[in-house]
């Protein structure tokens, strides 16, 4: 009985991890063509994350310290279409995703991981960040902002993320 439940649990974990591998991280897509279409429709930039998600230590560190933070997620939700371009060693991928990722790697001349390519809504390169970047979300978003300023959104004009709101506040003069 105990062995049967352990086998069942192991099978459930294996199936869920396989499904997770095919679906990607929530908020992220693996379909570049759909991402470009979405970026045009929503008037957003595209961020490509070239990663070795299950073997690259610097990729995992960048994900944990930057991409998984509330600050980055808030900014991305409002301003970016996120595309994971993954080159895993053991996570399953479809042949179509493998071929697409190889083509994107060649197109954008990616030679190491992690690498981030920021594109405009038409797919033209705005900027890139090669390798791990210290400083978490604040440093990474500052780097993105060197290349991209989100268009004003009249319906959401006051919905800037916390990082933007902090730096847009007027300076307070201390009382003597």
C-alpha atoms as a PDB file:
ATOM      1  CA  UNK A   1       0.000   0.000   0.000  1.00  0.00           C
ATOM      2  CA  UNK A   2       2.779   2.421   0.971  1.00  0.00           C
ATOM      3  CA  UNK A   3       4.763   1.659  -2.209  1.00  0.00           C
ATOM      4  CA  UNK A   4       1.655   2.158  -4.371  1.00  0.00           C
ATOM      5  CA  UNK A   5       1.030   5.620  -2.917  1.00  0.00           C
ATOM      6  CA  UNK A   6       4.700   6.548  -3.410  1.00  0.00           C
ATOM      7  CA  UNK A   7       4.550   5.430  -7.039  1.00  0.00           C
ATOM      8  CA  UNK A   8       1.334   7.396  -7.542  1.00  0.00           C
ATOM      9  CA  UNK A   9       2.895  10.519  -5.980  1.00  0.00           C
ATOM     10  CA  UNK A  10       6.032  10.181  -8.115  1.00  0.00           C
ATOM     11  CA  UNK A  11       3.922   9.774 -11.269  1.00  0.00           C
ATOM     12  CA  UNK A  12       1.806  12.818 -10.376  1.00  0.00           C
ATOM     13  CA  UNK A  13       4.929  14.931  -9.814  1.00  0.00           C
ATOM     14  CA  UNK A  14       6.436  13.763 -13.100  1.00  0.00           C
ATOM     15  CA  UNK A  15       3.273  14.563 -15.051  1.00  0.00           C
ATOM     16  CA  UNK A  16       2.862  17.987 -13.418  1.00  0.00           C
ATOM     17  CA  UNK A  17       6.486  18.912 -14.107  1.00  0.00           C
ATOM     18  CA  UNK A  18       6.125  17.823 -17.745  1.00  0.00           C
ATOM     19  CA  UNK A  19       2.978  19.918 -18.128  1.00  0.00           C
ATOM     20  CA  UNK A  20       4.725  22.863 -16.425  1.00  0.00           C
ATOM     21  CA  UNK A  21       7.639  22.490 -18.842  1.00  0.00           C
ATOM     22  CA  UNK A  22       5.342  22.710 -21.841  1.00  0.00           C
ATOM     23  CA  UNK A  23       3.288  25.608 -20.510  1.00  0.00           C
ATOM     24  CA  UNK A  24       6.143  27.714 -19.152  1.00  0.00           C
ATOM     25  CA  UNK A  25       6.087  30.097 -16.222  1.00  0.00           C
ATOM     26  CA  UNK A  26       2.818  31.978 -15.598  1.00  0.00           C
ATOM     27  CA  UNK A  27       3.027  35.373 -17.340  1.00  0.00           C
ATOM     28  CA  UNK A  28       5.610  34.009 -19.763  1.00  0.00           C
ATOM     29  CA  UNK A  29       5.002  32.507 -23.178  1.00  0.00           C
ATOM     30  CA  UNK A  30       7.208  30.299 -25.303  1.00  0.00           C
ATOM     31  CA  UNK A  31       5.555  31.324 -28.586  1.00  0.00           C
ATOM     32  CA  UNK A  32       7.476  34.216 -30.169  1.00  0.00           C
ATOM     33  CA  UNK A  33       4.983  34.844 -33.003  1.00  0.00           C
ATOM     34  CA  UNK A  34       2.081  35.115 -30.561  1.00  0.00           C
ATOM     35  CA  UNK A  35       4.167  37.401 -28.347  1.00  0.00           C
ATOM     36  CA  UNK A  36       4.788  39.821 -31.233  1.00  0.00           C
ATOM     37  CA  UNK A  37       1.065  39.788 -32.040  1.00  0.00           C
ATOM     38  CA  UNK A  38       0.191  40.442 -28.376  1.00  0.00           C
ATOM     39  CA  UNK A  39       2.779  43.251 -28.112  1.00  0.00           C
ATOM     40  CA  UNK A  40       1.289  45.000 -31.138  1.00  0.00           C
ATOM     41  CA  UNK A  41      -2.254  44.630 -29.806  1.00  0.00           C
ATOM     42  CA  UNK A  42      -1.386  45.784 -26.275  1.00  0.00           C
ATOM     43  CA  UNK A  43       1.247  48.366 -27.304  1.00  0.00           C
ATOM     44  CA  UNK A  44       3.973  46.753 -25.173  1.00  0.00           C
ATOM     45  CA  UNK A  45       7.641  45.894 -25.573  1.00  0.00           C
ATOM     46  CA  UNK A  46       8.828  42.273 -25.729  1.00  0.00           C
ATOM     47  CA  UNK A  47      11.413  40.833 -23.356  1.00  0.00           C
ATOM     48  CA  UNK A  48      13.148  37.656 -24.506  1.00  0.00           C
ATOM     49  CA  UNK A  49      14.792  35.643 -21.718  1.00  0.00           C
ATOM     50  CA  UNK A  50      17.392  33.271 -23.160  1.00  0.00           C
ATOM     51  CA  UNK A  51      17.942  30.742 -20.398  1.00  0.00           C
ATOM     52  CA  UNK A  52      19.042  27.280 -19.454  1.00  0.00           C
ATOM     53  CA  UNK A  53      16.316  27.000 -16.858  1.00  0.00           C
ATOM     54  CA  UNK A  54      17.221  23.627 -15.402  1.00  0.00           C
ATOM     55  CA  UNK A  55      21.024  23.771 -15.486  1.00  0.00           C
ATOM     56  CA  UNK A  56      22.318  27.381 -15.687  1.00  0.00           C
ATOM     57  CA  UNK A  57      23.130  28.607 -12.175  1.00  0.00           C
ATOM     58  CA  UNK A  58      23.252  32.295 -13.163  1.00  0.00           C
ATOM     59  CA  UNK A  59      19.882  31.951 -14.925  1.00  0.00           C
ATOM     60  CA  UNK A  60      18.315  30.451 -11.811  1.00  0.00           C
ATOM     61  CA  UNK A  61      19.846  33.182  -9.638  1.00  0.00           C
ATOM     62  CA  UNK A  62      18.545  35.916 -11.975  1.00  0.00           C
ATOM     63  CA  UNK A  63      15.094  34.345 -11.974  1.00  0.00           C
ATOM     64  CA  UNK A  64      14.979  34.113  -8.183  1.00  0.00           C
ATOM     65  CA  UNK A  65      16.447  37.557  -7.428  1.00  0.00           C
ATOM     66  CA  UNK A  66      14.803  39.519 -10.240  1.00  0.00           C
ATOM     67  CA  UNK A  67      12.197  37.870 -12.448  1.00  0.00           C
ATOM     68  CA  UNK A  68      10.204  36.293  -9.611  1.00  0.00           C
ATOM     69  CA  UNK A  69       9.958  39.487  -7.534  1.00  0.00           C
ATOM     70  CA  UNK A  70       6.732  41.456  -7.119  1.00  0.00           C
ATOM     71  CA  UNK A  71       8.443  44.618  -8.421  1.00  0.00           C
ATOM     72  CA  UNK A  72       9.469  43.014 -11.722  1.00  0.00           C
ATOM     73  CA  UNK A  73       6.158  41.174 -12.128  1.00  0.00           C
ATOM     74  CA  UNK A  74       4.202  44.401 -11.602  1.00  0.00           C
ATOM     75  CA  UNK A  75       6.289  46.293 -14.155  1.00  0.00           C
ATOM     76  CA  UNK A  76       6.158  43.433 -16.659  1.00  0.00           C
ATOM     77  CA  UNK A  77       2.402  42.971 -16.365  1.00  0.00           C
ATOM     78  CA  UNK A  78       1.876  46.602 -17.411  1.00  0.00           C
ATOM     79  CA  UNK A  79       4.687  47.089 -19.921  1.00  0.00           C
ATOM     80  CA  UNK A  80       6.079  43.857 -21.353  1.00  0.00           C
ATOM     81  CA  UNK A  81       5.210  40.675 -23.169  1.00  0.00           C
ATOM     82  CA  UNK A  82       7.523  38.042 -21.684  1.00  0.00           C
ATOM     83  CA  UNK A  83       9.021  35.255 -23.801  1.00  0.00           C
ATOM     84  CA  UNK A  84      11.081  32.442 -22.320  1.00  0.00           C
ATOM     85  CA  UNK A  85      13.590  31.121 -24.848  1.00  0.00           C
ATOM     86  CA  UNK A  86      14.763  28.067 -22.952  1.00  0.00           C
ATOM     87  CA  UNK A  87      17.530  25.573 -23.676  1.00  0.00           C
ATOM     88  CA  UNK A  88      16.958  23.006 -20.914  1.00  0.00           C
ATOM     89  CA  UNK A  89      18.892  19.788 -20.437  1.00  0.00           C
ATOM     90  CA  UNK A  90      16.107  17.685 -18.935  1.00  0.00           C
ATOM     91  CA  UNK A  91      12.846  19.646 -19.165  1.00  0.00           C
ATOM     92  CA  UNK A  92      10.796  18.383 -22.122  1.00  0.00           C
ATOM     93  CA  UNK A  93       9.987  20.740 -25.020  1.00  0.00           C
ATOM     94  CA  UNK A  94       8.143  20.257 -28.283  1.00  0.00           C
ATOM     95  CA  UNK A  95      10.179  20.061 -31.483  1.00  0.00           C
ATOM     96  CA  UNK A  96       8.540  23.308 -32.637  1.00  0.00           C
ATOM     97  CA  UNK A  97       9.699  25.181 -29.510  1.00  0.00           C
ATOM     98  CA  UNK A  98      13.215  23.732 -29.822  1.00  0.00           C
ATOM     99  CA  UNK A  99      13.434  24.835 -33.466  1.00  0.00           C
ATOM    100  CA  UNK A 100      12.027  28.297 -32.706  1.00  0.00           C
ATOM    101  CA  UNK A 101      14.468  28.790 -29.811  1.00  0.00           C
ATOM    102  CA  UNK A 102      17.443  27.760 -31.931  1.00  0.00           C
ATOM    103  CA  UNK A 103      16.363  30.178 -34.679  1.00  0.00           C
ATOM    104  CA  UNK A 104      15.916  33.036 -32.168  1.00  0.00           C
ATOM    105  CA  UNK A 105      19.323  32.311 -30.648  1.00  0.00           C
ATOM    106  CA  UNK A 106      20.931  32.634 -34.075  1.00  0.00           C
ATOM    107  CA  UNK A 107      18.848  35.659 -35.078  1.00  0.00           C
ATOM    108  CA  UNK A 108      19.792  37.607 -31.948  1.00  0.00           C
ATOM    109  CA  UNK A 109      23.354  36.220 -31.783  1.00  0.00           C
ATOM    110  CA  UNK A 110      23.045  34.834 -28.268  1.00  0.00           C
ATOM    111  CA  UNK A 111      26.208  33.069 -27.150  1.00  0.00           C
ATOM    112  CA  UNK A 112      25.671  32.708 -23.386  1.00  0.00           C
ATOM    113  CA  UNK A 113      23.041  32.562 -20.684  1.00  0.00           C
ATOM    114  CA  UNK A 114      21.255  34.349 -19.257  1.00  0.00           C
ATOM    115  CA  UNK A 115      20.705  36.876 -22.024  1.00  0.00           C
ATOM    116  CA  UNK A 116      17.827  39.327 -22.242  1.00  0.00           C
ATOM    117  CA  UNK A 117      16.814  41.011 -25.485  1.00  0.00           C
ATOM    118  CA  UNK A 118      14.348  43.903 -25.315  1.00  0.00           C
ATOM    119  CA  UNK A 119      12.319  44.411 -28.493  1.00  0.00           C
ATOM    120  CA  UNK A 120       9.783  46.990 -29.568  1.00  0.00           C
ATOM    121  CA  UNK A 121       6.275  45.840 -30.454  1.00  0.00           C
ATOM    122  CA  UNK A 122       7.391  45.136 -34.031  1.00  0.00           C
ATOM    123  CA  UNK A 123      10.281  42.913 -32.983  1.00  0.00           C
ATOM    124  CA  UNK A 124      13.155  45.383 -33.516  1.00  0.00           C
ATOM    125  CA  UNK A 125      15.944  45.310 -30.929  1.00  0.00           C
ATOM    126  CA  UNK A 126      15.909  48.129 -28.379  1.00  0.00           C
ATOM    127  CA  UNK A 127      18.639  46.789 -26.096  1.00  0.00           C
ATOM    128  CA  UNK A 128      20.170  43.757 -24.451  1.00  0.00           C
ATOM    129  CA  UNK A 129      21.541  42.561 -21.127  1.00  0.00           C
ATOM    130  CA  UNK A 130      24.069  39.746 -21.341  1.00  0.00           C
ATOM    131  CA  UNK A 131      24.755  37.713 -18.229  1.00  0.00           C
ATOM    132  CA  UNK A 132      23.675  37.944 -14.641  1.00  0.00           C
ATOM    133  CA  UNK A 133      23.013  41.456 -13.308  1.00  0.00           C
ATOM    134  CA  UNK A 134      23.497  42.146  -9.591  1.00  0.00           C
ATOM    135  CA  UNK A 135      21.044  44.348  -7.764  1.00  0.00           C
ATOM    136  CA  UNK A 136      17.758  42.517  -8.264  1.00  0.00           C
ATOM    137  CA  UNK A 137      14.657  44.081  -9.773  1.00  0.00           C
ATOM    138  CA  UNK A 138      15.732  47.689  -9.244  1.00  0.00           C
ATOM    139  CA  UNK A 139      18.955  47.248 -11.206  1.00  0.00           C
ATOM    140  CA  UNK A 140      17.308  45.216 -13.957  1.00  0.00           C
ATOM    141  CA  UNK A 141      14.410  47.646 -14.415  1.00  0.00           C
ATOM    142  CA  UNK A 142      16.864  50.562 -14.483  1.00  0.00           C
ATOM    143  CA  UNK A 143      18.711  48.739 -17.267  1.00  0.00           C
ATOM    144  CA  UNK A 144      15.477  48.186 -19.222  1.00  0.00           C
ATOM    145  CA  UNK A 145      14.532  51.843 -18.805  1.00  0.00           C
ATOM    146  CA  UNK A 146      17.751  52.868 -20.560  1.00  0.00           C
ATOM    147  CA  UNK A 147      16.286  51.384 -23.725  1.00  0.00           C
ATOM    148  CA  UNK A 148      12.525  51.689 -23.321  1.00  0.00           C
ATOM    149  CA  UNK A 149      10.021  54.153 -21.956  1.00  0.00           C
ATOM    150  CA  UNK A 150       6.509  52.713 -21.874  1.00  0.00           C
ATOM    151  CA  UNK A 151       3.948  54.778 -23.776  1.00  0.00           C
ATOM    152  CA  UNK A 152       1.515  56.728 -21.607  1.00  0.00           C
ATOM    153  CA  UNK A 153      -1.686  54.827 -21.017  1.00  0.00           C
ATOM    154  CA  UNK A 154      -4.532  57.279 -20.564  1.00  0.00           C
ATOM    155  CA  UNK A 155      -6.697  54.642 -18.871  1.00  0.00           C
ATOM    156  CA  UNK A 156      -3.898  53.757 -16.453  1.00  0.00           C
ATOM    157  CA  UNK A 157      -1.985  57.018 -16.203  1.00  0.00           C
ATOM    158  CA  UNK A 158      -1.652  56.753 -12.436  1.00  0.00           C
ATOM    159  CA  UNK A 159      -0.857  53.035 -12.307  1.00  0.00           C
ATOM    160  CA  UNK A 160       2.942  53.255 -12.394  1.00  0.00           C
ATOM    161  CA  UNK A 161       4.674  50.501 -10.469  1.00  0.00           C
ATOM    162  CA  UNK A 162       6.085  51.226  -6.997  1.00  0.00           C
ATOM    163  CA  UNK A 163       9.581  51.828  -8.378  1.00  0.00           C
ATOM    164  CA  UNK A 164       8.361  54.540 -10.761  1.00  0.00           C
ATOM    165  CA  UNK A 165       6.102  56.085  -8.135  1.00  0.00           C
ATOM    166  CA  UNK A 166       8.992  56.401  -5.691  1.00  0.00           C
ATOM    167  CA  UNK A 167      11.206  58.267  -8.145  1.00  0.00           C
ATOM    168  CA  UNK A 168       8.419  60.503  -9.458  1.00  0.00           C
ATOM    169  CA  UNK A 169       7.552  61.903  -6.016  1.00  0.00           C
ATOM    170  CA  UNK A 170       8.703  65.489  -5.495  1.00  0.00           C
ATOM    171  CA  UNK A 171      11.626  65.945  -3.152  1.00  0.00           C
ATOM    172  CA  UNK A 172      10.671  66.758   0.406  1.00  0.00           C
ATOM    173  CA  UNK A 173      12.576  69.647   1.954  1.00  0.00           C
ATOM    174  CA  UNK A 174      13.460  68.859   5.549  1.00  0.00           C
ATOM    175  CA  UNK A 175      12.355  71.469   8.031  1.00  0.00           C
ATOM    176  CA  UNK A 176      15.269  73.178   9.819  1.00  0.00           C
END
